[in-house]
Amino acid sequence: MAIPPDVTAETVDAFTQAEADRTRELAGEGYLKRLWTLPGQGRALGLWQAPDSVGLSTVLQSLPLSPWLSVETVPLSQHPSDPALTGG
């Protein structure tokens, strides 16, 4: 996360709380399936679902911290050995 140097700690705290609230909303709407913390400060890995790449981009841009985030998306496809598909 790249927070501009002129942003106050109070602003960062407010945006962080708003981010938590928004991710709960997006989870409730079915967009955010899982979220993990990665090693390193401010790093996370999320499993998101949207109808298409434009929809996902719109969802991610709705996050309050999005102006400060570096986001990489990787589209996924089903694997034939996925236990969810094979019943295992």
C-alpha atoms as a PDB file:
ATOM      1  CA  MET A   1       0.000   0.000   0.000  1.00  0.00           C
ATOM      2  CA  ALA A   2       1.372   3.397  -0.963  1.00  0.00           C
ATOM      3  CA  ILE A   3      -0.036   6.012   1.399  1.00  0.00           C
ATOM      4  CA  PRO A   4       0.872   9.571   0.446  1.00  0.00           C
ATOM      5  CA  PRO A   5       3.142  11.218   3.030  1.00  0.00           C
ATOM      6  CA  ASP A   6       0.715  14.083   3.720  1.00  0.00           C
ATOM      7  CA  VAL A   7      -2.108  11.749   4.858  1.00  0.00           C
ATOM      8  CA  THR A   8      -2.687  11.804   8.618  1.00  0.00           C
ATOM      9  CA  ALA A   9      -2.791   8.696  10.798  1.00  0.00           C
ATOM     10  CA  GLU A  10      -6.419   9.516  11.626  1.00  0.00           C
ATOM     11  CA  THR A  11      -7.299   9.503   7.929  1.00  0.00           C
ATOM     12  CA  VAL A  12      -5.546   6.169   7.429  1.00  0.00           C
ATOM     13  CA  ASP A  13      -7.452   4.736  10.400  1.00  0.00           C
ATOM     14  CA  ALA A  14     -10.770   6.009   9.029  1.00  0.00           C
ATOM     15  CA  PHE A  15     -10.061   4.582   5.564  1.00  0.00           C
ATOM     16  CA  THR A  16      -8.960   1.265   7.084  1.00  0.00           C
ATOM     17  CA  GLN A  17     -12.237   1.004   9.029  1.00  0.00           C
ATOM     18  CA  ALA A  18     -14.219   1.923   5.919  1.00  0.00           C
ATOM     19  CA  GLU A  19     -12.283  -0.753   4.016  1.00  0.00           C
ATOM     20  CA  ALA A  20     -13.262  -3.381   6.592  1.00  0.00           C
ATOM     21  CA  ASP A  21     -16.900  -2.309   6.376  1.00  0.00           C
ATOM     22  CA  ARG A  22     -16.853  -2.412   2.576  1.00  0.00           C
ATOM     23  CA  THR A  23     -15.234  -5.846   2.407  1.00  0.00           C
ATOM     24  CA  ARG A  24     -17.980  -7.185   4.701  1.00  0.00           C
ATOM     25  CA  GLU A  25     -20.576  -5.699   2.341  1.00  0.00           C
ATOM     26  CA  LEU A  26     -18.887  -7.228  -0.691  1.00  0.00           C
ATOM     27  CA  ALA A  27     -18.687 -10.607   1.039  1.00  0.00           C
ATOM     28  CA  GLY A  28     -22.395 -10.381   1.808  1.00  0.00           C
ATOM     29  CA  GLU A  29     -23.076  -9.605  -1.856  1.00  0.00           C
ATOM     30  CA  GLY A  30     -21.071 -12.679  -2.931  1.00  0.00           C
ATOM     31  CA  TYR A  31     -18.092 -10.877  -4.490  1.00  0.00           C
ATOM     32  CA  LEU A  32     -15.501 -11.582  -1.798  1.00  0.00           C
ATOM     33  CA  LYS A  33     -15.244 -15.301  -1.089  1.00  0.00           C
ATOM     34  CA  ARG A  34     -12.087 -15.466   1.079  1.00  0.00           C
ATOM     35  CA  LEU A  35      -9.407 -13.090   2.352  1.00  0.00           C
ATOM     36  CA  TRP A  36      -5.976 -13.942   3.760  1.00  0.00           C
ATOM     37  CA  THR A  37      -3.151 -11.869   5.221  1.00  0.00           C
ATOM     38  CA  LEU A  38       0.194 -12.416   3.496  1.00  0.00           C
ATOM     39  CA  PRO A  39       3.642 -11.977   5.020  1.00  0.00           C
ATOM     40  CA  GLY A  40       4.777  -8.377   4.827  1.00  0.00           C
ATOM     41  CA  GLN A  41       3.058  -5.233   5.954  1.00  0.00           C
ATOM     42  CA  GLY A  42      -0.287  -4.492   4.355  1.00  0.00           C
ATOM     43  CA  ARG A  43      -0.359  -7.477   2.009  1.00  0.00           C
ATOM     44  CA  ALA A  44      -3.439  -9.579   1.406  1.00  0.00           C
ATOM     45  CA  LEU A  45      -4.738 -12.241  -0.942  1.00  0.00           C
ATOM     46  CA  GLY A  46      -8.414 -12.298  -1.780  1.00  0.00           C
ATOM     47  CA  LEU A  47     -10.581 -14.751  -3.660  1.00  0.00           C
ATOM     48  CA  TRP A  48     -13.106 -12.644  -5.532  1.00  0.00           C
ATOM     49  CA  GLN A  49     -15.951 -13.585  -7.873  1.00  0.00           C
ATOM     50  CA  ALA A  50     -17.521 -11.278 -10.440  1.00  0.00           C
ATOM     51  CA  PRO A  51     -19.329 -11.829 -13.741  1.00  0.00           C
ATOM     52  CA  ASP A  52     -16.385 -10.500 -15.769  1.00  0.00           C
ATOM     53  CA  SER A  53     -13.166  -8.489 -15.551  1.00  0.00           C
ATOM     54  CA  VAL A  54     -14.988  -5.168 -15.838  1.00  0.00           C
ATOM     55  CA  GLY A  55     -17.275  -6.143 -12.954  1.00  0.00           C
ATOM     56  CA  LEU A  56     -14.311  -7.179 -10.836  1.00  0.00           C
ATOM     57  CA  SER A  57     -12.512  -3.939 -11.595  1.00  0.00           C
ATOM     58  CA  THR A  58     -15.596  -1.981 -10.552  1.00  0.00           C
ATOM     59  CA  VAL A  59     -15.846  -3.933  -7.291  1.00  0.00           C
ATOM     60  CA  LEU A  60     -12.162  -3.456  -6.470  1.00  0.00           C
ATOM     61  CA  GLN A  61     -12.329   0.257  -7.249  1.00  0.00           C
ATOM     62  CA  SER A  62     -15.183   0.565  -4.746  1.00  0.00           C
ATOM     63  CA  LEU A  63     -12.768  -0.248  -1.919  1.00  0.00           C
ATOM     64  CA  PRO A  64     -11.964   2.898   0.097  1.00  0.00           C
ATOM     65  CA  LEU A  65      -8.230   2.134   0.056  1.00  0.00           C
ATOM     66  CA  SER A  66      -8.155   1.479  -3.709  1.00  0.00           C
ATOM     67  CA  PRO A  67      -6.288   4.707  -4.574  1.00  0.00           C
ATOM     68  CA  TRP A  68      -3.400   3.523  -2.378  1.00  0.00           C
ATOM     69  CA  LEU A  69      -3.442  -0.171  -3.318  1.00  0.00           C
ATOM     70  CA  SER A  70      -1.358  -2.054  -5.819  1.00  0.00           C
ATOM     71  CA  VAL A  71      -3.679  -4.753  -7.139  1.00  0.00           C
ATOM     72  CA  GLU A  72      -2.851  -7.745  -9.298  1.00  0.00           C
ATOM     73  CA  THR A  73      -5.675  -9.921 -10.591  1.00  0.00           C
ATOM     74  CA  VAL A  74      -5.319 -13.433 -11.954  1.00  0.00           C
ATOM     75  CA  PRO A  75      -8.339 -15.039 -13.635  1.00  0.00           C
ATOM     76  CA  LEU A  76      -8.974 -18.604 -12.547  1.00  0.00           C
ATOM     77  CA  SER A  77     -10.590 -21.512 -14.327  1.00  0.00           C
ATOM     78  CA  GLN A  78     -11.802 -24.868 -13.091  1.00  0.00           C
ATOM     79  CA  HIS A  79      -9.302 -27.686 -12.707  1.00  0.00           C
ATOM     80  CA  PRO A  80     -10.498 -31.224 -13.540  1.00  0.00           C
ATOM     81  CA  SER A  81      -9.084 -32.546 -10.239  1.00  0.00           C
ATOM     82  CA  ASP A  82     -10.752 -29.900  -8.070  1.00  0.00           C
ATOM     83  CA  PRO A  83     -12.179 -31.744  -5.046  1.00  0.00           C
ATOM     84  CA  ALA A  84     -15.304 -29.615  -5.245  1.00  0.00           C
ATOM     85  CA  LEU A  85     -15.984 -31.068  -8.690  1.00  0.00           C
ATOM     86  CA  THR A  86     -14.856 -34.642  -8.071  1.00  0.00           C
ATOM     87  CA  GLY A  87     -16.593 -35.060  -4.713  1.00  0.00           C
ATOM     88  CA  GLY A  88     -13.255 -35.630  -2.936  1.00  0.00           C
END
